C-alpha atoms as a PDB file:
ATOM      1  CA  MET A   1     -20.272 -42.632 324.357  1.00  0.00           C
ATOM      2  CA  GLU A   2     -23.210 -42.458 321.982  1.00  0.00           C
ATOM      3  CA  LYS A   3     -22.757 -40.658 318.663  1.00  0.00           C
ATOM      4  CA  SER A   4     -25.470 -39.308 316.376  1.00  0.00           C
ATOM      5  CA  PHE A   5     -25.278 -38.798 312.623  1.00  0.00           C
ATOM      6  CA  VAL A   6     -27.978 -36.812 310.849  1.00  0.00           C
ATOM      7  CA  SER A   7     -28.650 -38.203 307.372  1.00  0.00           C
ATOM      8  CA  LEU A   8     -27.542 -36.020 304.486  1.00  0.00           C
ATOM      9  CA  TYR A   9     -30.730 -37.004 302.660  1.00  0.00           C
ATOM     10  CA  LEU A  10     -34.464 -37.131 303.151  1.00  0.00           C
ATOM     11  CA  VAL A  11     -35.900 -40.648 303.345  1.00  0.00           C
ATOM     12  CA  THR A  12     -36.818 -41.739 299.825  1.00  0.00           C
ATOM     13  CA  GLN A  13     -39.809 -43.696 298.584  1.00  0.00           C
ATOM     14  CA  GLN A  14     -37.422 -46.501 297.609  1.00  0.00           C
ATOM     15  CA  LEU A  15     -36.054 -46.903 301.149  1.00  0.00           C
ATOM     16  CA  TRP A  16     -39.543 -46.627 302.656  1.00  0.00           C
ATOM     17  CA  MET A  17     -40.865 -49.337 300.328  1.00  0.00           C
ATOM     18  CA  GLU A  18     -37.921 -51.615 301.096  1.00  0.00           C
ATOM     19  CA  VAL A  19     -38.484 -51.293 304.852  1.00  0.00           C
ATOM     20  CA  MET A  20     -42.288 -51.000 305.019  1.00  0.00           C
ATOM     21  CA  GLY A  21     -43.476 -52.861 301.910  1.00  0.00           C
ATOM     22  CA  TYR A  22     -45.783 -50.120 300.604  1.00  0.00           C
ATOM     23  CA  ASN A  23     -45.581 -46.560 299.302  1.00  0.00           C
ATOM     24  CA  PRO A  24     -47.900 -44.026 300.989  1.00  0.00           C
ATOM     25  CA  SER A  25     -46.753 -41.115 298.823  1.00  0.00           C
ATOM     26  CA  TYR A  26     -49.086 -38.974 296.753  1.00  0.00           C
ATOM     27  CA  PHE A  27     -46.333 -38.234 294.209  1.00  0.00           C
ATOM     28  CA  LYS A  28     -45.279 -41.733 293.118  1.00  0.00           C
ATOM     29  CA  ILE A  29     -42.923 -40.478 290.420  1.00  0.00           C
ATOM     30  CA  SER A  30     -39.732 -42.378 291.267  1.00  0.00           C
ATOM     31  CA  GLY A  31     -38.065 -44.137 294.151  1.00  0.00           C
ATOM     32  CA  ARG A  32     -35.642 -41.226 294.509  1.00  0.00           C
ATOM     33  CA  HIS A  33     -38.400 -38.793 295.437  1.00  0.00           C
ATOM     34  CA  PRO A  34     -38.888 -38.149 299.137  1.00  0.00           C
ATOM     35  CA  VAL A  35     -41.490 -40.270 300.839  1.00  0.00           C
ATOM     36  CA  GLU A  36     -44.418 -38.082 301.890  1.00  0.00           C
ATOM     37  CA  CYS A  37     -47.916 -38.501 303.282  1.00  0.00           C
ATOM     38  CA  VAL A  38     -46.449 -40.210 306.346  1.00  0.00           C
ATOM     39  CA  SER A  39     -47.747 -39.636 309.856  1.00  0.00           C
ATOM     40  CA  LEU A  40     -45.493 -39.517 312.891  1.00  0.00           C
ATOM     41  CA  GLN A  41     -46.900 -42.907 313.920  1.00  0.00           C
ATOM     42  CA  GLU A  42     -45.868 -44.385 310.559  1.00  0.00           C
ATOM     43  CA  VAL A  43     -42.435 -42.761 310.802  1.00  0.00           C
ATOM     44  CA  ASN A  44     -41.905 -44.333 314.238  1.00  0.00           C
ATOM     45  CA  GLU A  45     -42.923 -47.742 312.871  1.00  0.00           C
ATOM     46  CA  PHE A  46     -40.420 -47.254 310.023  1.00  0.00           C
ATOM     47  CA  MET A  47     -37.661 -46.444 312.535  1.00  0.00           C
ATOM     48  CA  HIS A  48     -38.414 -49.570 314.592  1.00  0.00           C
ATOM     49  CA  LYS A  49     -38.270 -51.769 311.495  1.00  0.00           C
ATOM     50  CA  LEU A  50     -35.036 -50.116 310.345  1.00  0.00           C
ATOM     51  CA  ASP A  51     -33.576 -50.668 313.841  1.00  0.00           C
ATOM     52  CA  ALA A  52     -34.403 -54.375 313.565  1.00  0.00           C
ATOM     53  CA  GLN A  53     -32.507 -54.594 310.257  1.00  0.00           C
ATOM     54  CA  SER A  54     -29.266 -53.134 311.638  1.00  0.00           C
ATOM     55  CA  ASN A  55     -27.023 -52.711 314.669  1.00  0.00           C
ATOM     56  CA  TYR A  56     -28.047 -49.062 314.920  1.00  0.00           C
ATOM     57  CA  THR A  57     -30.840 -47.009 316.419  1.00  0.00           C
ATOM     58  CA  HIS A  58     -32.727 -44.548 314.232  1.00  0.00           C
ATOM     59  CA  ARG A  59     -34.783 -41.543 315.253  1.00  0.00           C
ATOM     60  CA  LEU A  60     -35.972 -38.157 314.067  1.00  0.00           C
ATOM     61  CA  PRO A  61     -33.738 -35.123 314.516  1.00  0.00           C
ATOM     62  CA  THR A  62     -34.368 -32.906 317.496  1.00  0.00           C
ATOM     63  CA  GLN A  63     -35.239 -29.299 316.805  1.00  0.00           C
ATOM     64  CA  ILE A  64     -31.760 -28.267 317.980  1.00  0.00           C
ATOM     65  CA  GLU A  65     -30.065 -30.758 315.625  1.00  0.00           C
ATOM     66  CA  TRP A  66     -32.210 -29.646 312.691  1.00  0.00           C
ATOM     67  CA  ASP A  67     -31.752 -25.941 313.435  1.00  0.00           C
ATOM     68  CA  ASN A  68     -27.979 -26.458 313.638  1.00  0.00           C
ATOM     69  CA  LEU A  69     -28.042 -28.017 310.158  1.00  0.00           C
ATOM     70  CA  VAL A  70     -29.566 -24.939 308.619  1.00  0.00           C
ATOM     71  CA  TYR A  71     -28.755 -22.067 310.951  1.00  0.00           C
ATOM     72  CA  GLU A  72     -26.698 -20.108 308.437  1.00  0.00           C
ATOM     73  CA  HIS A  73     -28.480 -21.490 305.382  1.00  0.00           C
ATOM     74  CA  THR A  74     -30.133 -18.184 304.576  1.00  0.00           C
ATOM     75  CA  ILE A  75     -26.918 -16.587 303.316  1.00  0.00           C
ATOM     76  CA  GLN A  76     -27.021 -18.814 300.212  1.00  0.00           C
ATOM     77  CA  ASP A  77     -29.345 -18.289 297.276  1.00  0.00           C
ATOM     78  CA  LEU A  78     -32.314 -20.507 298.159  1.00  0.00           C
ATOM     79  CA  ASP A  79     -32.978 -21.336 294.510  1.00  0.00           C
ATOM     80  CA  ASP A  80     -29.550 -23.008 294.349  1.00  0.00           C
ATOM     81  CA  VAL A  81     -30.236 -25.505 297.152  1.00  0.00           C
ATOM     82  CA  ALA A  82     -33.992 -25.947 297.696  1.00  0.00           C
ATOM     83  CA  TRP A  83     -37.237 -26.882 295.939  1.00  0.00           C
ATOM     84  CA  PHE A  84     -40.137 -24.567 296.760  1.00  0.00           C
ATOM     85  CA  LYS A  85     -43.337 -23.236 295.198  1.00  0.00           C
ATOM     86  CA  GLU A  86     -41.659 -20.954 292.689  1.00  0.00           C
ATOM     87  CA  ASN A  87     -39.299 -23.598 291.242  1.00  0.00           C
ATOM     88  CA  SER A  88     -40.775 -27.062 291.956  1.00  0.00           C
ATOM     89  CA  ASN A  89     -43.331 -27.339 289.126  1.00  0.00           C
ATOM     90  CA  GLY A  90     -45.999 -28.213 291.695  1.00  0.00           C
ATOM     91  CA  THR A  91     -44.501 -31.514 292.865  1.00  0.00           C
ATOM     92  CA  THR A  92     -41.718 -33.059 294.913  1.00  0.00           C
ATOM     93  CA  GLN A  93     -38.369 -33.524 293.177  1.00  0.00           C
ATOM     94  CA  PRO A  94     -35.831 -36.367 293.352  1.00  0.00           C
ATOM     95  CA  ILE A  95     -33.640 -35.868 296.400  1.00  0.00           C
ATOM     96  CA  ALA A  96     -30.107 -34.562 296.010  1.00  0.00           C
ATOM     97  CA  THR A  97     -30.746 -33.064 292.560  1.00  0.00           C
ATOM     98  CA  LYS A  98     -29.790 -29.623 293.859  1.00  0.00           C
ATOM     99  CA  PRO A  99     -26.237 -29.174 295.167  1.00  0.00           C
ATOM    100  CA  ARG A 100     -25.538 -29.661 298.853  1.00  0.00           C
ATOM    101  CA  ASP A 101     -25.926 -26.543 300.898  1.00  0.00           C
ATOM    102  CA  PHE A 102     -22.769 -25.192 302.477  1.00  0.00           C
ATOM    103  CA  THR A 103     -23.355 -27.328 305.593  1.00  0.00           C
ATOM    104  CA  GLY A 104     -23.207 -30.467 303.425  1.00  0.00           C
ATOM    105  CA  TYR A 105     -26.883 -31.503 303.511  1.00  0.00           C
ATOM    106  CA  TYR A 106     -29.469 -31.900 300.758  1.00  0.00           C
ATOM    107  CA  ASP A 107     -33.053 -30.609 300.585  1.00  0.00           C
ATOM    108  CA  VAL A 108     -33.059 -29.139 304.081  1.00  0.00           C
ATOM    109  CA  LEU A 109     -35.224 -26.071 303.495  1.00  0.00           C
ATOM    110  CA  GLY A 110     -37.366 -27.350 300.647  1.00  0.00           C
ATOM    111  CA  ASN A 111     -38.847 -30.342 298.806  1.00  0.00           C
ATOM    112  CA  VAL A 112     -40.839 -31.529 301.860  1.00  0.00           C
ATOM    113  CA  CYS A 113     -41.320 -30.143 305.363  1.00  0.00           C
ATOM    114  CA  GLU A 114     -39.594 -32.383 307.892  1.00  0.00           C
ATOM    115  CA  TRP A 115     -40.825 -34.089 311.035  1.00  0.00           C
ATOM    116  CA  VAL A 116     -38.659 -32.935 313.961  1.00  0.00           C
ATOM    117  CA  ILE A 117     -38.998 -33.361 317.721  1.00  0.00           C
ATOM    118  CA  ALA A 118     -39.170 -30.059 319.649  1.00  0.00           C
ATOM    119  CA  HIS A 119     -37.442 -29.337 322.968  1.00  0.00           C
ATOM    120  CA  ASN A 120     -40.487 -30.461 324.964  1.00  0.00           C
ATOM    121  CA  GLY A 121     -40.962 -33.692 322.974  1.00  0.00           C
ATOM    122  CA  THR A 122     -43.744 -32.279 320.787  1.00  0.00           C
ATOM    123  CA  PRO A 123     -43.642 -33.181 317.090  1.00  0.00           C
ATOM    124  CA  ILE A 124     -43.247 -30.178 314.807  1.00  0.00           C
ATOM    125  CA  LEU A 125     -42.677 -29.619 311.108  1.00  0.00           C
ATOM    126  CA  LYS A 126     -39.630 -27.622 310.049  1.00  0.00           C
ATOM    127  CA  GLY A 127     -38.563 -25.985 306.814  1.00  0.00           C
ATOM    128  CA  GLY A 128     -40.459 -25.477 303.627  1.00  0.00           C
ATOM    129  CA  SER A 129     -41.692 -27.723 300.857  1.00  0.00           C
ATOM    130  CA  TRP A 130     -42.422 -27.850 297.142  1.00  0.00           C
ATOM    131  CA  ALA A 131     -45.689 -26.038 297.980  1.00  0.00           C
ATOM    132  CA  SER A 132     -44.193 -23.329 300.204  1.00  0.00           C
ATOM    133  CA  PRO A 133     -43.402 -19.831 299.024  1.00  0.00           C
ATOM    134  CA  ALA A 134     -39.681 -19.080 299.227  1.00  0.00           C
ATOM    135  CA  THR A 135     -40.311 -16.770 302.187  1.00  0.00           C
ATOM    136  CA  HIS A 136     -41.420 -19.798 304.254  1.00  0.00           C
ATOM    137  CA  CYS A 137     -38.278 -21.823 303.518  1.00  0.00           C
ATOM    138  CA  THR A 138     -36.331 -20.628 306.547  1.00  0.00           C
ATOM    139  CA  VAL A 139     -34.897 -22.053 309.741  1.00  0.00           C
ATOM    140  CA  SER A 140     -37.493 -20.163 311.764  1.00  0.00           C
ATOM    141  CA  ASN A 141     -40.485 -21.560 309.835  1.00  0.00           C
ATOM    142  CA  TYR A 142     -42.276 -24.354 311.690  1.00  0.00           C
ATOM    143  CA  GLY A 143     -45.698 -25.795 312.226  1.00  0.00           C
ATOM    144  CA  LEU A 144     -47.160 -27.866 315.021  1.00  0.00           C
ATOM    145  CA  GLY A 145     -47.817 -31.467 314.118  1.00  0.00           C
ATOM    146  CA  THR A 146     -49.887 -34.248 315.586  1.00  0.00           C
ATOM    147  CA  LYS A 147     -49.118 -37.936 315.487  1.00  0.00           C
ATOM    148  CA  VAL A 148     -51.692 -38.543 312.776  1.00  0.00           C
ATOM    149  CA  ILE A 149     -51.251 -35.543 310.456  1.00  0.00           C
ATOM    150  CA  LYS A 150     -50.084 -36.363 306.917  1.00  0.00           C
ATOM    151  CA  GLY A 151     -49.574 -34.368 303.781  1.00  0.00           C
ATOM    152  CA  ASN A 152     -47.983 -34.593 300.355  1.00  0.00           C
ATOM    153  CA  ASP A 153     -45.547 -31.951 301.558  1.00  0.00           C
ATOM    154  CA  ILE A 154     -44.419 -33.743 304.756  1.00  0.00           C
ATOM    155  CA  GLY A 155     -41.437 -36.103 304.933  1.00  0.00           C
ATOM    156  CA  PHE A 156     -38.435 -36.707 307.180  1.00  0.00           C
ATOM    157  CA  ARG A 157     -34.760 -37.544 307.504  1.00  0.00           C
ATOM    158  CA  ILE A 158     -33.254 -39.947 309.998  1.00  0.00           C
ATOM    159  CA  VAL A 159     -30.628 -39.686 312.691  1.00  0.00           C
ATOM    160  CA  ILE A 160     -28.426 -42.755 313.150  1.00  0.00           C
ATOM    161  CA  GLN A 161     -27.284 -43.377 316.727  1.00  0.00           C
ATOM    162  CA  THR A 162     -24.421 -45.681 317.650  1.00  0.00           C
ATOM    163  CA  TYR A 163     -21.923 -46.491 320.372  1.00  0.00           C
ATOM    164  CA  SER A 164     -19.480 -47.798 317.770  1.00  0.00           C
ATOM    165  CA  THR A 165     -16.101 -46.121 317.545  1.00  0.00           C
ATOM    166  CA  ASN A 166     -15.299 -47.796 314.231  1.00  0.00           C
ATOM    167  CA  GLY A 167     -15.435 -44.896 311.784  1.00  0.00           C
ATOM    168  CA  SER A 168     -15.258 -47.056 308.651  1.00  0.00           C
ATOM    169  CA  GLU A 169     -18.104 -49.285 309.913  1.00  0.00           C
ATOM    170  CA  ILE A 170     -20.295 -46.245 310.484  1.00  0.00           C
ATOM    171  CA  ALA A 171     -19.362 -44.744 307.100  1.00  0.00           C
ATOM    172  CA  ASN A 172     -20.189 -48.056 305.390  1.00  0.00           C
ATOM    173  CA  TYR A 173     -23.615 -48.159 307.036  1.00  0.00           C
ATOM    174  CA  ILE A 174     -24.345 -44.562 306.047  1.00  0.00           C
ATOM    175  CA  ASN A 175     -23.370 -45.404 302.450  1.00  0.00           C
ATOM    176  CA  GLN A 176     -25.609 -48.503 302.549  1.00  0.00           C
ATOM    177  CA  ILE A 177     -28.574 -46.341 303.588  1.00  0.00           C
ATOM    178  CA  ALA A 178     -27.811 -43.965 300.693  1.00  0.00           C
ATOM    179  CA  GLU A 179     -27.648 -46.880 298.242  1.00  0.00           C
ATOM    180  CA  ARG A 180     -30.892 -48.352 299.592  1.00  0.00           C
ATOM    181  CA  SER A 181     -32.403 -44.886 299.057  1.00  0.00           C
ATOM    182  CA  GLY A 182     -31.442 -44.950 295.380  1.00  0.00           C
ATOM    183  CA  ILE A 183     -28.598 -42.450 295.780  1.00  0.00           C
ATOM    184  CA  VAL A 184     -25.719 -43.186 293.417  1.00  0.00           C
ATOM    185  CA  PHE A 185     -22.413 -41.426 294.039  1.00  0.00           C
END
């Protein structure tokens, strides 16, 4: 039976550079900042290269998976868990510098909008970003995307798929991805 694990973190510039060999981001402040200015085509190329480096398959979250991550997010104070227009100083921020939200994920409703695949297979952008007003940083906020659209407020997180039943092997791989992303526990 296949299992899916949604990454706790956005993909960082450091991980992107390690896999792709270049940094497309507008805000090249540090490797721990989310990669941005990536089109859906580039994201798919990244996933294929990451697949080739591991025994796992990587993909974008579906809209249902993403919505489930943040469904009850709005009951927390947004300023505690997200970067948005009113608190971001006009730029992306290093990932995981705000506490996890109560679902255990980082930067879900802010920092960068996220590429997600809708029910019908259409790419959409979910959540808010460093440039979004707080009122747009909700589970219901989305925008239609195309395969070539890019922006300094668009990034993504990965879903790791596996048939492995070895929990420690999966946990080790997830920790390796975090380390490659510049996340230090």
